[in-house]
Protein backbone atom coordinates (compact mmCIF):
# COMPACT_ATOMS: atom_id res chain seq x y z
CA MET A 1 -2.19 -8.57 7.83
CA SER A 2 0.21 -7.09 10.34
CA ASP A 3 -0.58 -4.09 12.51
CA ALA A 4 2.23 -2.07 10.92
CA GLN A 5 1.15 0.97 8.90
CA GLN A 6 1.00 0.07 5.20
CA TYR A 7 2.32 2.51 2.62
CA LEU A 8 1.37 2.50 -1.09
CA THR A 9 2.15 4.62 -4.09
CA SER A 10 -0.88 6.00 -5.89
CA GLU A 11 -0.11 3.68 -8.83
CA LYS A 12 -0.17 0.59 -6.57
CA MET A 13 -3.39 1.82 -4.96
CA GLN A 14 -5.00 2.00 -8.42
CA GLU A 15 -3.81 -1.57 -9.14
CA PHE A 16 -5.50 -2.76 -5.95
CA VAL A 17 -8.73 -0.92 -6.79
CA LYS A 18 -8.74 -2.56 -10.24
CA GLU A 19 -8.02 -6.02 -8.77
CA LEU A 20 -10.82 -5.56 -6.23
CA THR A 21 -13.30 -4.68 -8.98
CA ILE A 22 -12.35 -7.79 -10.95
CA LEU A 23 -12.57 -10.00 -7.86
CA LYS A 24 -16.00 -8.68 -6.89
CA THR A 25 -17.50 -8.89 -10.36
CA GLU A 26 -15.87 -11.49 -12.59
CA LYS A 27 -14.15 -13.80 -10.08
CA ARG A 28 -17.07 -14.06 -7.66
CA LYS A 29 -19.39 -14.92 -10.54
CA GLN A 30 -16.99 -17.57 -11.84
CA VAL A 31 -16.64 -19.15 -8.38
CA ALA A 32 -20.44 -19.19 -7.93
CA GLU A 33 -20.82 -20.95 -11.29
CA ASN A 34 -18.17 -23.52 -10.31
CA LEU A 35 -19.99 -24.17 -7.04
CA GLU A 36 -23.32 -24.67 -8.80
CA TYR A 37 -21.77 -27.07 -11.26
CA ALA A 38 -20.06 -29.04 -8.48
CA LYS A 39 -23.30 -29.31 -6.48
CA LYS A 40 -24.95 -30.98 -9.46
CA LEU A 41 -22.34 -33.72 -9.42
CA GLY A 42 -23.94 -35.36 -6.40
CA ASP A 43 -22.81 -36.39 -2.91
CA LEU A 44 -21.05 -33.31 -1.48
CA SER A 45 -19.09 -35.26 1.15
CA GLU A 46 -17.06 -37.05 -1.54
CA ASN A 47 -17.20 -34.37 -4.22
CA ALA A 48 -13.66 -33.10 -4.88
CA GLU A 49 -14.89 -30.45 -7.32
CA TYR A 50 -17.23 -29.04 -4.68
CA HIS A 51 -14.49 -28.89 -2.03
CA GLU A 52 -12.11 -27.27 -4.50
CA ALA A 53 -14.73 -24.67 -5.45
CA ARG A 54 -15.37 -23.91 -1.75
CA GLN A 55 -11.64 -23.48 -1.17
CA GLU A 56 -11.40 -21.12 -4.14
CA GLN A 57 -14.38 -19.16 -2.81
CA ALA A 58 -12.69 -18.78 0.58
CA GLU A 59 -9.46 -17.59 -1.05
CA VAL A 60 -11.28 -15.03 -3.20
CA GLU A 61 -13.19 -13.68 -0.20
CA ASP A 62 -9.99 -13.51 1.88
CA ARG A 63 -8.28 -11.55 -0.90
CA ILE A 64 -11.27 -9.18 -1.20
CA ASN A 65 -11.22 -8.54 2.56
CA HIS A 66 -7.45 -7.99 2.52
CA ILE A 67 -7.60 -5.48 -0.34
CA GLU A 68 -10.62 -3.63 1.13
CA ASN A 69 -8.80 -3.27 4.44
CA LEU A 70 -5.65 -2.14 2.69
CA ILE A 71 -7.53 0.49 0.65
CA LYS A 72 -9.20 1.81 3.81
CA THR A 73 -6.07 2.01 5.96
CA ALA A 74 -3.04 2.47 3.69
CA MET A 75 -1.21 5.75 3.57
CA ILE A 76 -0.48 7.03 0.06
CA VAL A 77 3.11 8.19 -0.44
CA ASP A 78 4.49 10.18 -3.32
CA GLU A 79 8.00 9.97 -4.69
CA LYS A 80 10.21 11.84 -2.27
CA HIS A 81 13.08 14.13 -3.13
CA GLY A 82 15.07 15.42 -0.20
CA ASP A 83 18.12 15.13 2.00
CA VAL A 84 16.78 12.33 4.18
CA VAL A 85 15.66 8.84 3.14
CA SER A 86 11.94 8.21 3.65
CA ILE A 87 9.30 5.97 2.16
CA GLY A 88 9.03 6.94 -1.49
CA SER A 89 12.72 7.87 -1.79
CA THR A 90 14.89 6.43 -4.53
CA VAL A 91 18.39 5.76 -3.26
CA LYS A 92 21.71 4.63 -4.68
CA VAL A 93 23.81 2.49 -2.37
CA GLN A 94 27.12 0.71 -2.56
CA LYS A 95 27.89 -2.38 -0.52
CA ASP A 96 31.27 -2.31 1.20
CA GLY A 97 33.77 -4.35 -0.77
CA GLU A 98 31.84 -4.12 -4.05
CA LYS A 99 32.19 -1.74 -6.99
CA ASP A 100 28.55 -1.91 -8.17
CA ILE A 101 26.17 0.87 -7.17
CA LYS A 102 22.59 -0.29 -6.83
CA GLU A 103 19.43 1.80 -7.03
CA TYR A 104 16.39 1.04 -4.90
CA LYS A 105 13.08 2.69 -4.19
CA ILE A 106 11.87 2.48 -0.58
CA VAL A 107 8.24 1.32 -0.62
CA GLY A 108 5.67 -0.24 1.69
CA SER A 109 5.76 -3.99 2.23
CA GLU A 110 2.77 -4.63 -0.06
CA GLU A 111 4.69 -3.14 -2.96
CA ALA A 112 8.16 -4.58 -2.34
CA ASP A 113 9.75 -6.29 -5.34
CA MET A 114 13.53 -6.70 -5.30
CA ALA A 115 13.55 -7.82 -8.95
CA HIS A 116 12.29 -4.33 -9.84
CA GLY A 117 14.43 -2.46 -7.28
CA LYS A 118 11.63 -1.88 -4.77
CA VAL A 119 12.71 -2.49 -1.17
CA SER A 120 10.26 -2.70 1.72
CA ASN A 121 10.53 -0.12 4.47
CA LEU A 122 10.32 -3.10 6.87
CA SER A 123 13.22 -5.04 5.27
CA PRO A 124 16.62 -4.93 6.96
CA LEU A 125 18.07 -2.70 4.19
CA GLY A 126 14.98 -0.49 3.93
CA SER A 127 14.63 0.10 7.66
CA ALA A 128 18.39 0.75 8.01
CA LEU A 129 18.24 3.42 5.29
CA LEU A 130 15.22 5.32 6.67
CA GLY A 131 16.23 8.66 8.15
CA LYS A 132 19.77 8.54 6.74
CA LYS A 133 21.55 11.20 4.67
CA LYS A 134 23.85 11.04 1.66
CA GLY A 135 27.30 9.70 2.57
CA GLU A 136 26.19 7.86 5.69
CA LYS A 137 26.93 4.19 6.23
CA VAL A 138 24.25 1.74 7.33
CA SER A 139 24.75 -1.74 8.69
CA PHE A 140 22.35 -4.54 9.42
CA THR A 141 22.37 -8.26 9.95
CA THR A 142 21.49 -10.68 7.16
CA PRO A 143 21.42 -14.48 7.13
CA LYS A 144 24.93 -14.31 5.62
CA GLY A 145 26.20 -12.00 8.37
CA LYS A 146 26.61 -8.26 8.79
CA ALA A 147 26.15 -6.08 5.69
CA VAL A 148 27.43 -2.51 5.41
CA TYR A 149 26.24 -0.09 2.71
CA THR A 150 27.16 3.51 1.93
CA LEU A 151 24.35 5.83 0.86
CA ILE A 152 25.61 7.39 -2.39
CA SER A 153 22.57 9.52 -3.27
CA ILE A 154 18.91 10.14 -2.51
């Protein structure tokens, strides 16, 4: 996990708490059962099931540690309504040269999901919009070149 401050909505925080509970109760138990079964299959040095179960155990523990750290350190943000774009703001933007107006919510990187209109505050578009006001233009570099957007509303 990066050292950047993580931001979460209260809904996403609740999702993480629920996932953590499932990982610690159900998933850990399932992994332990898989390990026990694999141990009974014999020689551990050539036991693919055992190595797979150990890998799954490591992944579950990594995920538990990641979520616990996130829950301890993340800052909860509420939906923002104001004159300036901040994390939690919902914005409407129009790309120069296009007629479509797109709506995005600025969220923390753990919650970003472009398919659902959630843009990370660390993404080029998200970071360019932070601190801007209605009517301002923002520009940033993308793999396809420079992109310019006009902030239609907050």
